Amino acid sequence: MFISNAYAAGATASPDLMSFLPLVVIFVLFWFMLIRPQMKQAKDQRKMIEALQKGDEVIIAGGLAGRVTKVGDAFVGVEIAPEIVVQVQKPTVQTLLPKGTLKSL
């Protein structure tokens, strides 16, 4: 006839180590290129937030730049204009600016 019979392939006893190698390589690359740098960045951010003190110039998450006037346990007072102080949570502080940056803005 025109159609030949199809037979099932023989079952393999166990997968070898080489079949898992691409998966292991992908995980290692994922670790070193994504997870590890992000953990380092989060650690640096925590250190920066813990080291905040009065007089530091910062940028908060909303894009506002100001000078720290008061540091509490969970909140920071940031002076964004003369006589205007906003209370923000510590994790919203994104960047610690070098001294004198606000004068040049």
C-alpha atoms as a PDB file:
ATOM      1  CA  MET A   1       0.000   0.000   0.000  1.00  0.00           C
ATOM      2  CA  PHE A   2       0.886   3.667   0.045  1.00  0.00           C
ATOM      3  CA  ILE A   3       1.124   4.132   3.818  1.00  0.00           C
ATOM      4  CA  SER A   4       3.759   2.284   5.778  1.00  0.00           C
ATOM      5  CA  ASN A   5       3.286   1.124   9.336  1.00  0.00           C
ATOM      6  CA  ALA A   6       4.648   3.372  12.120  1.00  0.00           C
ATOM      7  CA  TYR A   7       6.246   1.701  15.095  1.00  0.00           C
ATOM      8  CA  ALA A   8       6.916   3.304  18.502  1.00  0.00           C
ATOM      9  CA  ALA A   9      10.520   4.003  19.411  1.00  0.00           C
ATOM     10  CA  GLY A  10      12.089   1.939  22.154  1.00  0.00           C
ATOM     11  CA  ALA A  11      11.851   3.403  25.663  1.00  0.00           C
ATOM     12  CA  THR A  12      15.050   4.906  27.071  1.00  0.00           C
ATOM     13  CA  ALA A  13      16.222   3.543  30.391  1.00  0.00           C
ATOM     14  CA  SER A  14      17.256   6.853  32.044  1.00  0.00           C
ATOM     15  CA  PRO A  15      18.073  10.376  30.897  1.00  0.00           C
ATOM     16  CA  ASP A  16      21.765  11.109  30.872  1.00  0.00           C
ATOM     17  CA  LEU A  17      23.519  14.053  32.476  1.00  0.00           C
ATOM     18  CA  MET A  18      24.041  15.800  29.147  1.00  0.00           C
ATOM     19  CA  SER A  19      20.311  16.352  28.735  1.00  0.00           C
ATOM     20  CA  PHE A  20      20.261  18.480  31.929  1.00  0.00           C
ATOM     21  CA  LEU A  21      23.388  20.464  31.074  1.00  0.00           C
ATOM     22  CA  PRO A  22      21.610  23.220  29.069  1.00  0.00           C
ATOM     23  CA  LEU A  23      19.169  23.756  31.934  1.00  0.00           C
ATOM     24  CA  VAL A  24      22.016  24.061  34.437  1.00  0.00           C
ATOM     25  CA  VAL A  25      23.912  26.483  32.190  1.00  0.00           C
ATOM     26  CA  ILE A  26      20.823  28.668  31.771  1.00  0.00           C
ATOM     27  CA  PHE A  27      20.282  28.767  35.541  1.00  0.00           C
ATOM     28  CA  VAL A  28      23.930  29.728  36.185  1.00  0.00           C
ATOM     29  CA  LEU A  29      23.766  32.518  33.597  1.00  0.00           C
ATOM     30  CA  PHE A  30      20.461  33.720  35.034  1.00  0.00           C
ATOM     31  CA  TRP A  31      22.017  33.822  38.510  1.00  0.00           C
ATOM     32  CA  PHE A  32      25.128  35.779  37.545  1.00  0.00           C
ATOM     33  CA  MET A  33      23.449  38.157  35.113  1.00  0.00           C
ATOM     34  CA  LEU A  34      20.155  38.946  36.887  1.00  0.00           C
ATOM     35  CA  ILE A  35      19.754  37.739  40.451  1.00  0.00           C
ATOM     36  CA  ARG A  36      23.201  38.500  41.885  1.00  0.00           C
ATOM     37  CA  PRO A  37      23.444  42.119  40.592  1.00  0.00           C
ATOM     38  CA  GLN A  38      19.939  42.880  41.817  1.00  0.00           C
ATOM     39  CA  MET A  39      20.751  41.519  45.283  1.00  0.00           C
ATOM     40  CA  LYS A  40      23.884  43.704  45.381  1.00  0.00           C
ATOM     41  CA  GLN A  41      21.903  46.775  44.332  1.00  0.00           C
ATOM     42  CA  ALA A  42      19.267  46.130  47.023  1.00  0.00           C
ATOM     43  CA  LYS A  43      22.002  45.722  49.644  1.00  0.00           C
ATOM     44  CA  ASP A  44      23.599  49.039  48.622  1.00  0.00           C
ATOM     45  CA  GLN A  45      20.182  50.751  48.759  1.00  0.00           C
ATOM     46  CA  ARG A  46      19.561  49.437  52.306  1.00  0.00           C
ATOM     47  CA  LYS A  47      23.001  50.670  53.437  1.00  0.00           C
ATOM     48  CA  MET A  48      22.337  54.105  51.941  1.00  0.00           C
ATOM     49  CA  ILE A  49      18.958  54.377  53.668  1.00  0.00           C
ATOM     50  CA  GLU A  50      20.406  53.313  57.037  1.00  0.00           C
ATOM     51  CA  ALA A  51      23.184  55.917  56.714  1.00  0.00           C
ATOM     52  CA  LEU A  52      20.843  58.868  56.028  1.00  0.00           C
ATOM     53  CA  GLN A  53      21.452  61.845  58.270  1.00  0.00           C
ATOM     54  CA  LYS A  54      20.331  65.418  58.616  1.00  0.00           C
ATOM     55  CA  GLY A  55      21.697  67.657  55.863  1.00  0.00           C
ATOM     56  CA  ASP A  56      22.004  64.966  53.178  1.00  0.00           C
ATOM     57  CA  GLU A  57      20.703  65.878  49.748  1.00  0.00           C
ATOM     58  CA  VAL A  58      18.454  63.201  48.253  1.00  0.00           C
ATOM     59  CA  ILE A  59      16.067  62.397  45.428  1.00  0.00           C
ATOM     60  CA  ILE A  60      12.884  60.593  46.436  1.00  0.00           C
ATOM     61  CA  ALA A  61      10.867  58.150  44.296  1.00  0.00           C
ATOM     62  CA  GLY A  62       8.488  60.828  42.991  1.00  0.00           C
ATOM     63  CA  GLY A  63      11.409  62.708  41.460  1.00  0.00           C
ATOM     64  CA  LEU A  64      11.549  65.433  44.095  1.00  0.00           C
ATOM     65  CA  ALA A  65      14.978  66.614  45.200  1.00  0.00           C
ATOM     66  CA  GLY A  66      15.517  68.012  48.667  1.00  0.00           C
ATOM     67  CA  ARG A  67      17.559  68.163  51.840  1.00  0.00           C
ATOM     68  CA  VAL A  68      16.950  65.809  54.771  1.00  0.00           C
ATOM     69  CA  THR A  69      15.809  67.760  57.837  1.00  0.00           C
ATOM     70  CA  LYS A  70      14.731  64.964  60.158  1.00  0.00           C
ATOM     71  CA  VAL A  71      15.389  61.215  60.253  1.00  0.00           C
ATOM     72  CA  GLY A  72      13.038  58.916  62.138  1.00  0.00           C
ATOM     73  CA  ASP A  73      12.639  55.159  62.355  1.00  0.00           C
ATOM     74  CA  ALA A  74      10.328  54.829  59.357  1.00  0.00           C
ATOM     75  CA  PHE A  75      10.010  58.371  57.970  1.00  0.00           C
ATOM     76  CA  VAL A  76      12.333  61.111  56.749  1.00  0.00           C
ATOM     77  CA  GLY A  77      11.596  64.825  56.615  1.00  0.00           C
ATOM     78  CA  VAL A  78      12.741  66.280  53.281  1.00  0.00           C
ATOM     79  CA  GLU A  79      12.815  70.034  52.647  1.00  0.00           C
ATOM     80  CA  ILE A  80      11.908  70.442  48.978  1.00  0.00           C
ATOM     81  CA  ALA A  81      11.706  74.258  49.043  1.00  0.00           C
ATOM     82  CA  PRO A  82      12.370  76.916  51.686  1.00  0.00           C
ATOM     83  CA  GLU A  83       9.974  76.276  54.606  1.00  0.00           C
ATOM     84  CA  ILE A  84       8.304  73.319  52.827  1.00  0.00           C
ATOM     85  CA  VAL A  85       9.053  69.962  54.452  1.00  0.00           C
ATOM     86  CA  VAL A  86       7.434  66.708  53.353  1.00  0.00           C
ATOM     87  CA  GLN A  87       7.466  63.498  55.361  1.00  0.00           C
ATOM     88  CA  VAL A  88       8.296  60.445  53.237  1.00  0.00           C
ATOM     89  CA  GLN A  89       8.935  56.822  54.043  1.00  0.00           C
ATOM     90  CA  LYS A  90      12.593  55.836  54.104  1.00  0.00           C
ATOM     91  CA  PRO A  91      12.346  53.317  51.224  1.00  0.00           C
ATOM     92  CA  THR A  92      11.172  56.099  48.882  1.00  0.00           C
ATOM     93  CA  VAL A  93      14.609  57.709  49.059  1.00  0.00           C
ATOM     94  CA  GLN A  94      16.210  56.630  45.777  1.00  0.00           C
ATOM     95  CA  THR A  95      19.489  58.519  45.446  1.00  0.00           C
ATOM     96  CA  LEU A  96      21.912  60.250  47.773  1.00  0.00           C
ATOM     97  CA  LEU A  97      23.309  63.287  45.985  1.00  0.00           C
ATOM     98  CA  PRO A  98      26.766  64.829  46.489  1.00  0.00           C
ATOM     99  CA  LYS A  99      26.841  67.886  48.767  1.00  0.00           C
ATOM    100  CA  GLY A 100      26.034  71.145  46.950  1.00  0.00           C
ATOM    101  CA  THR A 101      24.010  69.545  44.151  1.00  0.00           C
ATOM    102  CA  LEU A 102      20.795  71.346  45.087  1.00  0.00           C
ATOM    103  CA  LYS A 103      22.462  74.745  44.779  1.00  0.00           C
ATOM    104  CA  SER A 104      23.421  73.993  41.193  1.00  0.00           C
ATOM    105  CA  LEU A 105      19.840  73.035  40.245  1.00  0.00           C
END
